mmCIF file of all heavy atoms, coordinates in Angstrom:
data_MODEL
# 
_entry.id   MODEL 
# 
loop_
_atom_site.group_PDB 
_atom_site.id 
_atom_site.type_symbol 
_atom_site.label_atom_id 
_atom_site.label_alt_id 
_atom_site.label_comp_id 
_atom_site.label_asym_id 
_atom_site.label_entity_id 
_atom_site.label_seq_id 
_atom_site.pdbx_PDB_ins_code 
_atom_site.Cartn_x 
_atom_site.Cartn_y 
_atom_site.Cartn_z 
_atom_site.occupancy 
_atom_site.B_iso_or_equiv 
_atom_site.pdbx_formal_charge 
_atom_site.auth_seq_id 
_atom_site.auth_comp_id 
_atom_site.auth_asym_id 
_atom_site.auth_atom_id 
_atom_site.pdbx_PDB_model_num 
ATOM 1   N N   . TRP A 1 1  ? 99.456  195.892 74.440 1.00 0.00 ? 1  TRP A N   1 
ATOM 2   C CA  . TRP A 1 1  ? 99.273  195.803 73.002 1.00 0.00 ? 1  TRP A CA  1 
ATOM 3   C C   . TRP A 1 1  ? 98.432  196.974 72.530 1.00 0.00 ? 1  TRP A C   1 
ATOM 4   O O   . TRP A 1 1  ? 97.449  197.331 73.177 1.00 0.00 ? 1  TRP A O   1 
ATOM 5   C CB  . TRP A 1 1  ? 98.576  194.497 72.637 1.00 0.00 ? 1  TRP A CB  1 
ATOM 6   C CG  . TRP A 1 1  ? 99.443  193.275 72.745 1.00 0.00 ? 1  TRP A CG  1 
ATOM 7   C CD1 . TRP A 1 1  ? 99.568  192.453 73.826 1.00 0.00 ? 1  TRP A CD1 1 
ATOM 8   C CD2 . TRP A 1 1  ? 100.294 192.741 71.733 1.00 0.00 ? 1  TRP A CD2 1 
ATOM 9   N NE1 . TRP A 1 1  ? 100.447 191.436 73.563 1.00 0.00 ? 1  TRP A NE1 1 
ATOM 10  C CE2 . TRP A 1 1  ? 100.911 191.583 72.265 1.00 0.00 ? 1  TRP A CE2 1 
ATOM 11  C CE3 . TRP A 1 1  ? 100.600 193.121 70.431 1.00 0.00 ? 1  TRP A CE3 1 
ATOM 12  C CZ2 . TRP A 1 1  ? 101.810 190.815 71.546 1.00 0.00 ? 1  TRP A CZ2 1 
ATOM 13  C CZ3 . TRP A 1 1  ? 101.491 192.351 69.700 1.00 0.00 ? 1  TRP A CZ3 1 
ATOM 14  C CH2 . TRP A 1 1  ? 102.095 191.215 70.250 1.00 0.00 ? 1  TRP A CH2 1 
ATOM 15  N N   . ILE A 1 2  ? 98.822  197.560 71.400 1.00 0.00 ? 2  ILE A N   1 
ATOM 16  C CA  . ILE A 1 2  ? 98.122  198.708 70.841 1.00 0.00 ? 2  ILE A CA  1 
ATOM 17  C C   . ILE A 1 2  ? 97.786  198.414 69.380 1.00 0.00 ? 2  ILE A C   1 
ATOM 18  O O   . ILE A 1 2  ? 98.642  197.957 68.617 1.00 0.00 ? 2  ILE A O   1 
ATOM 19  C CB  . ILE A 1 2  ? 98.978  199.989 70.912 1.00 0.00 ? 2  ILE A CB  1 
ATOM 20  C CG1 . ILE A 1 2  ? 99.388  200.278 72.355 1.00 0.00 ? 2  ILE A CG1 1 
ATOM 21  C CG2 . ILE A 1 2  ? 98.231  201.163 70.315 1.00 0.00 ? 2  ILE A CG2 1 
ATOM 22  C CD1 . ILE A 1 2  ? 98.239  200.597 73.279 1.00 0.00 ? 2  ILE A CD1 1 
ATOM 23  N N   . ASN A 1 3  ? 96.530  198.673 68.991 1.00 0.00 ? 3  ASN A N   1 
ATOM 24  C CA  . ASN A 1 3  ? 96.134  198.517 67.594 1.00 0.00 ? 3  ASN A CA  1 
ATOM 25  C C   . ASN A 1 3  ? 95.924  199.891 66.979 1.00 0.00 ? 3  ASN A C   1 
ATOM 26  O O   . ASN A 1 3  ? 95.099  200.672 67.455 1.00 0.00 ? 3  ASN A O   1 
ATOM 27  C CB  . ASN A 1 3  ? 94.848  197.694 67.476 1.00 0.00 ? 3  ASN A CB  1 
ATOM 28  C CG  . ASN A 1 3  ? 94.502  197.379 66.036 1.00 0.00 ? 3  ASN A CG  1 
ATOM 29  O OD1 . ASN A 1 3  ? 94.041  198.240 65.288 1.00 0.00 ? 3  ASN A OD1 1 
ATOM 30  N ND2 . ASN A 1 3  ? 94.731  196.143 65.637 1.00 0.00 ? 3  ASN A ND2 1 
ATOM 31  N N   . GLN A 1 4  ? 96.678  200.175 65.923 1.00 0.00 ? 4  GLN A N   1 
ATOM 32  C CA  . GLN A 1 4  ? 96.537  201.435 65.205 1.00 0.00 ? 4  GLN A CA  1 
ATOM 33  C C   . GLN A 1 4  ? 96.527  201.152 63.711 1.00 0.00 ? 4  GLN A C   1 
ATOM 34  O O   . GLN A 1 4  ? 97.428  200.487 63.180 1.00 0.00 ? 4  GLN A O   1 
ATOM 35  C CB  . GLN A 1 4  ? 97.681  202.397 65.539 1.00 0.00 ? 4  GLN A CB  1 
ATOM 36  C CG  . GLN A 1 4  ? 97.633  202.941 66.949 1.00 0.00 ? 4  GLN A CG  1 
ATOM 37  C CD  . GLN A 1 4  ? 98.710  203.981 67.196 1.00 0.00 ? 4  GLN A CD  1 
ATOM 38  O OE1 . GLN A 1 4  ? 99.646  204.124 66.420 1.00 0.00 ? 4  GLN A OE1 1 
ATOM 39  N NE2 . GLN A 1 4  ? 98.588  204.720 68.279 1.00 0.00 ? 4  GLN A NE2 1 
ATOM 40  N N   . ASN A 1 5  ? 95.481  201.668 63.060 1.00 0.00 ? 5  ASN A N   1 
ATOM 41  C CA  . ASN A 1 5  ? 95.356  201.499 61.609 1.00 0.00 ? 5  ASN A CA  1 
ATOM 42  C C   . ASN A 1 5  ? 95.488  200.033 61.200 1.00 0.00 ? 5  ASN A C   1 
ATOM 43  O O   . ASN A 1 5  ? 96.168  199.691 60.224 1.00 0.00 ? 5  ASN A O   1 
ATOM 44  C CB  . ASN A 1 5  ? 96.402  202.353 60.878 1.00 0.00 ? 5  ASN A CB  1 
ATOM 45  C CG  . ASN A 1 5  ? 96.259  203.831 61.193 1.00 0.00 ? 5  ASN A CG  1 
ATOM 46  O OD1 . ASN A 1 5  ? 95.155  204.337 61.323 1.00 0.00 ? 5  ASN A OD1 1 
ATOM 47  N ND2 . ASN A 1 5  ? 97.387  204.518 61.330 1.00 0.00 ? 5  ASN A ND2 1 
ATOM 48  N N   . ASN A 1 6  ? 94.835  199.169 61.987 1.00 0.00 ? 6  ASN A N   1 
ATOM 49  C CA  . ASN A 1 6  ? 94.797  197.727 61.719 1.00 0.00 ? 6  ASN A CA  1 
ATOM 50  C C   . ASN A 1 6  ? 96.170  197.061 61.824 1.00 0.00 ? 6  ASN A C   1 
ATOM 51  O O   . ASN A 1 6  ? 96.386  195.989 61.264 1.00 0.00 ? 6  ASN A O   1 
ATOM 52  C CB  . ASN A 1 6  ? 94.187  197.443 60.338 1.00 0.00 ? 6  ASN A CB  1 
ATOM 53  C CG  . ASN A 1 6  ? 92.733  197.864 60.258 1.00 0.00 ? 6  ASN A CG  1 
ATOM 54  O OD1 . ASN A 1 6  ? 91.982  197.669 61.211 1.00 0.00 ? 6  ASN A OD1 1 
ATOM 55  N ND2 . ASN A 1 6  ? 92.337  198.444 59.141 1.00 0.00 ? 6  ASN A ND2 1 
ATOM 56  N N   . LYS A 1 7  ? 97.093  197.669 62.537 1.00 0.00 ? 7  LYS A N   1 
ATOM 57  C CA  . LYS A 1 7  ? 98.385  197.073 62.816 1.00 0.00 ? 7  LYS A CA  1 
ATOM 58  C C   . LYS A 1 7  ? 98.592  197.020 64.326 1.00 0.00 ? 7  LYS A C   1 
ATOM 59  O O   . LYS A 1 7  ? 98.159  197.927 65.042 1.00 0.00 ? 7  LYS A O   1 
ATOM 60  C CB  . LYS A 1 7  ? 99.519  197.868 62.168 1.00 0.00 ? 7  LYS A CB  1 
ATOM 61  C CG  . LYS A 1 7  ? 99.544  197.805 60.644 1.00 0.00 ? 7  LYS A CG  1 
ATOM 62  C CD  . LYS A 1 7  ? 100.759 198.542 60.097 1.00 0.00 ? 7  LYS A CD  1 
ATOM 63  C CE  . LYS A 1 7  ? 100.829 198.443 58.578 1.00 0.00 ? 7  LYS A CE  1 
ATOM 64  N NZ  . LYS A 1 7  ? 102.044 199.129 58.029 1.00 0.00 ? 7  LYS A NZ  1 
ATOM 65  N N   . TRP A 1 8  ? 99.255  195.950 64.782 1.00 0.00 ? 8  TRP A N   1 
ATOM 66  C CA  . TRP A 1 8  ? 99.495  195.790 66.206 1.00 0.00 ? 8  TRP A CA  1 
ATOM 67  C C   . TRP A 1 8  ? 100.904 196.257 66.581 1.00 0.00 ? 8  TRP A C   1 
ATOM 68  O O   . TRP A 1 8  ? 101.866 196.006 65.847 1.00 0.00 ? 8  TRP A O   1 
ATOM 69  C CB  . TRP A 1 8  ? 99.320  194.333 66.619 1.00 0.00 ? 8  TRP A CB  1 
ATOM 70  C CG  . TRP A 1 8  ? 97.878  193.933 66.705 1.00 0.00 ? 8  TRP A CG  1 
ATOM 71  C CD1 . TRP A 1 8  ? 97.146  193.243 65.788 1.00 0.00 ? 8  TRP A CD1 1 
ATOM 72  C CD2 . TRP A 1 8  ? 96.985  194.212 67.790 1.00 0.00 ? 8  TRP A CD2 1 
ATOM 73  N NE1 . TRP A 1 8  ? 95.852  193.077 66.209 1.00 0.00 ? 8  TRP A NE1 1 
ATOM 74  C CE2 . TRP A 1 8  ? 95.725  193.665 67.438 1.00 0.00 ? 8  TRP A CE2 1 
ATOM 75  C CE3 . TRP A 1 8  ? 97.121  194.869 69.008 1.00 0.00 ? 8  TRP A CE3 1 
ATOM 76  C CZ2 . TRP A 1 8  ? 94.621  193.755 68.272 1.00 0.00 ? 8  TRP A CZ2 1 
ATOM 77  C CZ3 . TRP A 1 8  ? 96.012  194.966 69.843 1.00 0.00 ? 8  TRP A CZ3 1 
ATOM 78  C CH2 . TRP A 1 8  ? 94.794  194.413 69.471 1.00 0.00 ? 8  TRP A CH2 1 
ATOM 79  N N   . TYR A 1 9  ? 100.987 196.916 67.733 1.00 0.00 ? 9  TYR A N   1 
ATOM 80  C CA  . TYR A 1 9  ? 102.239 197.405 68.283 1.00 0.00 ? 9  TYR A CA  1 
ATOM 81  C C   . TYR A 1 9  ? 102.289 197.001 69.752 1.00 0.00 ? 9  TYR A C   1 
ATOM 82  O O   . TYR A 1 9  ? 101.265 196.664 70.362 1.00 0.00 ? 9  TYR A O   1 
ATOM 83  C CB  . TYR A 1 9  ? 102.357 198.926 68.164 1.00 0.00 ? 9  TYR A CB  1 
ATOM 84  C CG  . TYR A 1 9  ? 102.260 199.441 66.746 1.00 0.00 ? 9  TYR A CG  1 
ATOM 85  C CD1 . TYR A 1 9  ? 101.017 199.646 66.148 1.00 0.00 ? 9  TYR A CD1 1 
ATOM 86  C CD2 . TYR A 1 9  ? 103.393 199.738 66.006 1.00 0.00 ? 9  TYR A CD2 1 
ATOM 87  C CE1 . TYR A 1 9  ? 100.916 200.113 64.850 1.00 0.00 ? 9  TYR A CE1 1 
ATOM 88  C CE2 . TYR A 1 9  ? 103.307 200.213 64.702 1.00 0.00 ? 9  TYR A CE2 1 
ATOM 89  C CZ  . TYR A 1 9  ? 102.059 200.402 64.131 1.00 0.00 ? 9  TYR A CZ  1 
ATOM 90  O OH  . TYR A 1 9  ? 101.962 200.864 62.848 1.00 0.00 ? 9  TYR A OH  1 
ATOM 91  N N   . TYR A 1 10 ? 103.491 197.079 70.336 1.00 0.00 ? 10 TYR A N   1 
ATOM 92  C CA  . TYR A 1 10 ? 103.619 196.774 71.760 1.00 0.00 ? 10 TYR A CA  1 
ATOM 93  C C   . TYR A 1 10 ? 104.273 197.953 72.461 1.00 0.00 ? 10 TYR A C   1 
ATOM 94  O O   . TYR A 1 10 ? 105.438 198.282 72.217 1.00 0.00 ? 10 TYR A O   1 
ATOM 95  C CB  . TYR A 1 10 ? 104.447 195.507 71.982 1.00 0.00 ? 10 TYR A CB  1 
ATOM 96  C CG  . TYR A 1 10 ? 104.351 194.992 73.394 1.00 0.00 ? 10 TYR A CG  1 
ATOM 97  C CD1 . TYR A 1 10 ? 103.236 194.264 73.809 1.00 0.00 ? 10 TYR A CD1 1 
ATOM 98  C CD2 . TYR A 1 10 ? 105.360 195.245 74.325 1.00 0.00 ? 10 TYR A CD2 1 
ATOM 99  C CE1 . TYR A 1 10 ? 103.129 193.798 75.104 1.00 0.00 ? 10 TYR A CE1 1 
ATOM 100 C CE2 . TYR A 1 10 ? 105.262 194.783 75.621 1.00 0.00 ? 10 TYR A CE2 1 
ATOM 101 C CZ  . TYR A 1 10 ? 104.145 194.062 76.013 1.00 0.00 ? 10 TYR A CZ  1 
ATOM 102 O OH  . TYR A 1 10 ? 104.028 193.603 77.301 1.00 0.00 ? 10 TYR A OH  1 
ATOM 103 N N   . LEU A 1 11 ? 103.471 198.616 73.317 1.00 0.00 ? 11 LEU A N   1 
ATOM 104 C CA  . LEU A 1 11 ? 103.945 199.778 74.064 1.00 0.00 ? 11 LEU A CA  1 
ATOM 105 C C   . LEU A 1 11 ? 104.654 199.303 75.323 1.00 0.00 ? 11 LEU A C   1 
ATOM 106 O O   . LEU A 1 11 ? 104.092 198.572 76.130 1.00 0.00 ? 11 LEU A O   1 
ATOM 107 C CB  . LEU A 1 11 ? 102.767 200.687 74.426 1.00 0.00 ? 11 LEU A CB  1 
ATOM 108 C CG  . LEU A 1 11 ? 103.093 201.954 75.202 1.00 0.00 ? 11 LEU A CG  1 
ATOM 109 C CD1 . LEU A 1 11 ? 103.919 202.897 74.334 1.00 0.00 ? 11 LEU A CD1 1 
ATOM 110 C CD2 . LEU A 1 11 ? 101.813 202.650 75.663 1.00 0.00 ? 11 LEU A CD2 1 
ATOM 111 N N   . GLN A 1 12 ? 105.904 199.738 75.487 1.00 0.00 ? 12 GLN A N   1 
ATOM 112 C CA  . GLN A 1 12 ? 106.704 199.316 76.629 1.00 0.00 ? 12 GLN A CA  1 
ATOM 113 C C   . GLN A 1 12 ? 106.546 200.277 77.806 1.00 0.00 ? 12 GLN A C   1 
ATOM 114 O O   . GLN A 1 12 ? 105.967 201.357 77.673 1.00 0.00 ? 12 GLN A O   1 
ATOM 115 C CB  . GLN A 1 12 ? 108.176 199.210 76.209 1.00 0.00 ? 12 GLN A CB  1 
ATOM 116 C CG  . GLN A 1 12 ? 108.387 198.249 75.041 1.00 0.00 ? 12 GLN A CG  1 
ATOM 117 C CD  . GLN A 1 12 ? 109.822 198.204 74.580 1.00 0.00 ? 12 GLN A CD  1 
ATOM 118 O OE1 . GLN A 1 12 ? 110.530 197.235 74.837 1.00 0.00 ? 12 GLN A OE1 1 
ATOM 119 N NE2 . GLN A 1 12 ? 110.276 199.255 73.893 1.00 0.00 ? 12 GLN A NE2 1 
ATOM 120 N N   . ASN A 1 13 ? 107.064 199.887 78.952 1.00 0.00 ? 13 ASN A N   1 
ATOM 121 C CA  . ASN A 1 13 ? 106.928 200.687 80.172 1.00 0.00 ? 13 ASN A CA  1 
ATOM 122 C C   . ASN A 1 13 ? 107.526 202.082 80.043 1.00 0.00 ? 13 ASN A C   1 
ATOM 123 O O   . ASN A 1 13 ? 107.073 203.028 80.692 1.00 0.00 ? 13 ASN A O   1 
ATOM 124 C CB  . ASN A 1 13 ? 107.575 199.968 81.357 1.00 0.00 ? 13 ASN A CB  1 
ATOM 125 C CG  . ASN A 1 13 ? 106.726 198.810 81.853 1.00 0.00 ? 13 ASN A CG  1 
ATOM 126 O OD1 . ASN A 1 13 ? 105.509 198.838 81.741 1.00 0.00 ? 13 ASN A OD1 1 
ATOM 127 N ND2 . ASN A 1 13 ? 107.368 197.790 82.387 1.00 0.00 ? 13 ASN A ND2 1 
ATOM 128 N N   . ASP A 1 14 ? 108.560 202.212 79.207 1.00 0.00 ? 14 ASP A N   1 
ATOM 129 C CA  . ASP A 1 14 ? 109.205 203.521 79.077 1.00 0.00 ? 14 ASP A CA  1 
ATOM 130 C C   . ASP A 1 14 ? 108.501 204.423 78.068 1.00 0.00 ? 14 ASP A C   1 
ATOM 131 O O   . ASP A 1 14 ? 108.982 205.517 77.761 1.00 0.00 ? 14 ASP A O   1 
ATOM 132 C CB  . ASP A 1 14 ? 110.677 203.355 78.691 1.00 0.00 ? 14 ASP A CB  1 
ATOM 133 C CG  . ASP A 1 14 ? 110.848 202.647 77.344 1.00 0.00 ? 14 ASP A CG  1 
ATOM 134 O OD1 . ASP A 1 14 ? 109.831 202.306 76.704 1.00 0.00 ? 14 ASP A OD1 1 
ATOM 135 O OD2 . ASP A 1 14 ? 112.008 202.427 76.936 1.00 0.00 ? 14 ASP A OD2 1 
ATOM 136 N N   . GLY A 1 15 ? 107.361 203.966 77.547 1.00 0.00 ? 15 GLY A N   1 
ATOM 137 C CA  . GLY A 1 15 ? 106.598 204.789 76.613 1.00 0.00 ? 15 GLY A CA  1 
ATOM 138 C C   . GLY A 1 15 ? 107.011 204.623 75.170 1.00 0.00 ? 15 GLY A C   1 
ATOM 139 O O   . GLY A 1 15 ? 106.423 205.269 74.291 1.00 0.00 ? 15 GLY A O   1 
ATOM 140 N N   . THR A 1 16 ? 107.991 203.785 74.878 1.00 0.00 ? 16 THR A N   1 
ATOM 141 C CA  . THR A 1 16 ? 108.419 203.541 73.496 1.00 0.00 ? 16 THR A CA  1 
ATOM 142 C C   . THR A 1 16 ? 107.808 202.241 72.995 1.00 0.00 ? 16 THR A C   1 
ATOM 143 O O   . THR A 1 16 ? 107.368 201.384 73.785 1.00 0.00 ? 16 THR A O   1 
ATOM 144 C CB  . THR A 1 16 ? 109.948 203.463 73.390 1.00 0.00 ? 16 THR A CB  1 
ATOM 145 O OG1 . THR A 1 16 ? 110.413 202.340 74.155 1.00 0.00 ? 16 THR A OG1 1 
ATOM 146 C CG2 . THR A 1 16 ? 110.574 204.751 73.909 1.00 0.00 ? 16 THR A CG2 1 
ATOM 147 N N   . TYR A 1 17 ? 107.797 202.101 71.676 1.00 0.00 ? 17 TYR A N   1 
ATOM 148 C CA  . TYR A 1 17 ? 107.280 200.881 71.077 1.00 0.00 ? 17 TYR A CA  1 
ATOM 149 C C   . TYR A 1 17 ? 108.423 199.895 70.799 1.00 0.00 ? 17 TYR A C   1 
ATOM 150 O O   . TYR A 1 17 ? 109.532 200.293 70.436 1.00 0.00 ? 17 TYR A O   1 
ATOM 151 C CB  . TYR A 1 17 ? 106.544 201.202 69.772 1.00 0.00 ? 17 TYR A CB  1 
ATOM 152 C CG  . TYR A 1 17 ? 105.196 201.826 69.997 1.00 0.00 ? 17 TYR A CG  1 
ATOM 153 C CD1 . TYR A 1 17 ? 105.056 203.204 70.108 1.00 0.00 ? 17 TYR A CD1 1 
ATOM 154 C CD2 . TYR A 1 17 ? 104.054 201.039 70.107 1.00 0.00 ? 17 TYR A CD2 1 
ATOM 155 C CE1 . TYR A 1 17 ? 103.821 203.783 70.327 1.00 0.00 ? 17 TYR A CE1 1 
ATOM 156 C CE2 . TYR A 1 17 ? 102.806 201.607 70.322 1.00 0.00 ? 17 TYR A CE2 1 
ATOM 157 C CZ  . TYR A 1 17 ? 102.702 202.981 70.436 1.00 0.00 ? 17 TYR A CZ  1 
ATOM 158 O OH  . TYR A 1 17 ? 101.465 203.548 70.650 1.00 0.00 ? 17 TYR A OH  1 
ATOM 159 N N   . LYS A 1 18 ? 108.138 198.640 70.977 1.00 0.00 ? 18 LYS A N   1 
ATOM 160 C CA  . LYS A 1 18 ? 109.135 197.601 70.732 1.00 0.00 ? 18 LYS A CA  1 
ATOM 161 C C   . LYS A 1 18 ? 109.409 197.528 69.230 1.00 0.00 ? 18 LYS A C   1 
ATOM 162 O O   . LYS A 1 18 ? 108.483 197.470 68.424 1.00 0.00 ? 18 LYS A O   1 
ATOM 163 C CB  . LYS A 1 18 ? 108.616 196.265 71.255 1.00 0.00 ? 18 LYS A CB  1 
ATOM 164 C CG  . LYS A 1 18 ? 109.695 195.223 71.488 1.00 0.00 ? 18 LYS A CG  1 
ATOM 165 C CD  . LYS A 1 18 ? 109.140 194.045 72.244 1.00 0.00 ? 18 LYS A CD  1 
ATOM 166 C CE  . LYS A 1 18 ? 110.254 193.072 72.631 1.00 0.00 ? 18 LYS A CE  1 
ATOM 167 N NZ  . LYS A 1 18 ? 111.227 193.679 73.575 1.00 0.00 ? 18 LYS A NZ  1 
ATOM 168 N N   . THR A 1 19 ? 110.662 197.519 68.836 1.00 0.00 ? 19 THR A N   1 
ATOM 169 C CA  . THR A 1 19 ? 111.049 197.457 67.425 1.00 0.00 ? 19 THR A CA  1 
ATOM 170 C C   . THR A 1 19 ? 112.220 196.492 67.249 1.00 0.00 ? 19 THR A C   1 
ATOM 171 O O   . THR A 1 19 ? 113.039 196.313 68.156 1.00 0.00 ? 19 THR A O   1 
ATOM 172 C CB  . THR A 1 19 ? 111.469 198.837 66.889 1.00 0.00 ? 19 THR A CB  1 
ATOM 173 O OG1 . THR A 1 19 ? 112.589 199.321 67.639 1.00 0.00 ? 19 THR A OG1 1 
ATOM 174 C CG2 . THR A 1 19 ? 110.327 199.848 66.993 1.00 0.00 ? 19 THR A CG2 1 
ATOM 175 N N   . ARG A 1 20 ? 112.263 195.846 66.063 1.00 0.00 ? 20 ARG A N   1 
ATOM 176 C CA  . ARG A 1 20 ? 113.374 194.981 65.659 1.00 0.00 ? 20 ARG A CA  1 
ATOM 177 C C   . ARG A 1 20 ? 113.778 194.022 66.773 1.00 0.00 ? 20 ARG A C   1 
ATOM 178 O O   . ARG A 1 20 ? 114.958 193.839 67.070 1.00 0.00 ? 20 ARG A O   1 
ATOM 179 C CB  . ARG A 1 20 ? 114.568 195.829 65.222 1.00 0.00 ? 20 ARG A CB  1 
ATOM 180 C CG  . ARG A 1 20 ? 114.278 196.758 64.060 1.00 0.00 ? 20 ARG A CG  1 
ATOM 181 C CD  . ARG A 1 20 ? 115.483 197.586 63.701 1.00 0.00 ? 20 ARG A CD  1 
ATOM 182 N NE  . ARG A 1 20 ? 116.593 196.744 63.257 1.00 0.00 ? 20 ARG A NE  1 
ATOM 183 C CZ  . ARG A 1 20 ? 117.809 197.217 62.949 1.00 0.00 ? 20 ARG A CZ  1 
ATOM 184 N NH1 . ARG A 1 20 ? 118.051 198.518 63.062 1.00 0.00 ? 20 ARG A NH1 1 
ATOM 185 N NH2 . ARG A 1 20 ? 118.759 196.391 62.556 1.00 0.00 ? 20 ARG A NH2 1 
ATOM 186 N N   . SER A 1 21 ? 112.798 193.428 67.415 1.00 0.00 ? 21 SER A N   1 
ATOM 187 C CA  . SER A 1 21 ? 113.124 192.515 68.520 1.00 0.00 ? 21 SER A CA  1 
ATOM 188 C C   . SER A 1 21 ? 111.965 191.554 68.752 1.00 0.00 ? 21 SER A C   1 
ATOM 189 O O   . SER A 1 21 ? 110.846 191.747 68.273 1.00 0.00 ? 21 SER A O   1 
ATOM 190 C CB  . SER A 1 21 ? 113.409 193.298 69.809 1.00 0.00 ? 21 SER A CB  1 
ATOM 191 O OG  . SER A 1 21 ? 112.310 194.126 70.142 1.00 0.00 ? 21 SER A OG  1 
ATOM 192 N N   . TRP A 1 22 ? 112.289 190.480 69.497 1.00 0.00 ? 22 TRP A N   1 
ATOM 193 C CA  . TRP A 1 22 ? 111.309 189.451 69.817 1.00 0.00 ? 22 TRP A CA  1 
ATOM 194 C C   . TRP A 1 22 ? 110.591 189.783 71.130 1.00 0.00 ? 22 TRP A C   1 
ATOM 195 O O   . TRP A 1 22 ? 111.139 190.438 72.007 1.00 0.00 ? 22 TRP A O   1 
ATOM 196 C CB  . TRP A 1 22 ? 111.997 188.096 69.966 1.00 0.00 ? 22 TRP A CB  1 
ATOM 197 C CG  . TRP A 1 22 ? 112.535 187.536 68.675 1.00 0.00 ? 22 TRP A CG  1 
ATOM 198 C CD1 . TRP A 1 22 ? 113.810 187.648 68.203 1.00 0.00 ? 22 TRP A CD1 1 
ATOM 199 C CD2 . TRP A 1 22 ? 111.800 186.781 67.720 1.00 0.00 ? 22 TRP A CD2 1 
ATOM 200 N NE1 . TRP A 1 22 ? 113.926 187.018 66.999 1.00 0.00 ? 22 TRP A NE1 1 
ATOM 201 C CE2 . TRP A 1 22 ? 112.708 186.460 66.663 1.00 0.00 ? 22 TRP A CE2 1 
ATOM 202 C CE3 . TRP A 1 22 ? 110.487 186.338 67.620 1.00 0.00 ? 22 TRP A CE3 1 
ATOM 203 C CZ2 . TRP A 1 22 ? 112.337 185.723 65.557 1.00 0.00 ? 22 TRP A CZ2 1 
ATOM 204 C CZ3 . TRP A 1 22 ? 110.110 185.599 66.523 1.00 0.00 ? 22 TRP A CZ3 1 
ATOM 205 C CH2 . TRP A 1 22 ? 111.013 185.294 65.494 1.00 0.00 ? 22 TRP A CH2 1 
ATOM 206 N N   . LEU A 1 23 ? 109.372 189.273 71.248 1.00 0.00 ? 23 LEU A N   1 
ATOM 207 C CA  . LEU A 1 23 ? 108.593 189.389 72.487 1.00 0.00 ? 23 LEU A CA  1 
ATOM 208 C C   . LEU A 1 23 ? 107.928 188.051 72.753 1.00 0.00 ? 23 LEU A C   1 
ATOM 209 O O   . LEU A 1 23 ? 107.273 187.483 71.872 1.00 0.00 ? 23 LEU A O   1 
ATOM 210 C CB  . LEU A 1 23 ? 107.523 190.475 72.360 1.00 0.00 ? 23 LEU A CB  1 
ATOM 211 C CG  . LEU A 1 23 ? 106.480 190.510 73.490 1.00 0.00 ? 23 LEU A CG  1 
ATOM 212 C CD1 . LEU A 1 23 ? 107.122 191.025 74.786 1.00 0.00 ? 23 LEU A CD1 1 
ATOM 213 C CD2 . LEU A 1 23 ? 105.279 191.369 73.117 1.00 0.00 ? 23 LEU A CD2 1 
ATOM 214 N N   . GLN A 1 24 ? 108.112 187.539 73.967 1.00 0.00 ? 24 GLN A N   1 
ATOM 215 C CA  . GLN A 1 24 ? 107.389 186.348 74.388 1.00 0.00 ? 24 GLN A CA  1 
ATOM 216 C C   . GLN A 1 24 ? 106.239 186.778 75.282 1.00 0.00 ? 24 GLN A C   1 
ATOM 217 O O   . GLN A 1 24 ? 106.435 187.427 76.311 1.00 0.00 ? 24 GLN A O   1 
ATOM 218 C CB  . GLN A 1 24 ? 108.299 185.370 75.136 1.00 0.00 ? 24 GLN A CB  1 
ATOM 219 C CG  . GLN A 1 24 ? 107.613 184.046 75.449 1.00 0.00 ? 24 GLN A CG  1 
ATOM 220 C CD  . GLN A 1 24 ? 108.527 183.070 76.172 1.00 0.00 ? 24 GLN A CD  1 
ATOM 221 O OE1 . GLN A 1 24 ? 109.362 183.486 76.987 1.00 0.00 ? 24 GLN A OE1 1 
ATOM 222 N NE2 . GLN A 1 24 ? 108.402 181.784 75.886 1.00 0.00 ? 24 GLN A NE2 1 
# 
């Protein structure tokens, strides 16, 4: 999990961020 500018993102193993998808 990455917090940038008060927003949370999820950095994946391939170095990209998870987008338009679910995460459990």
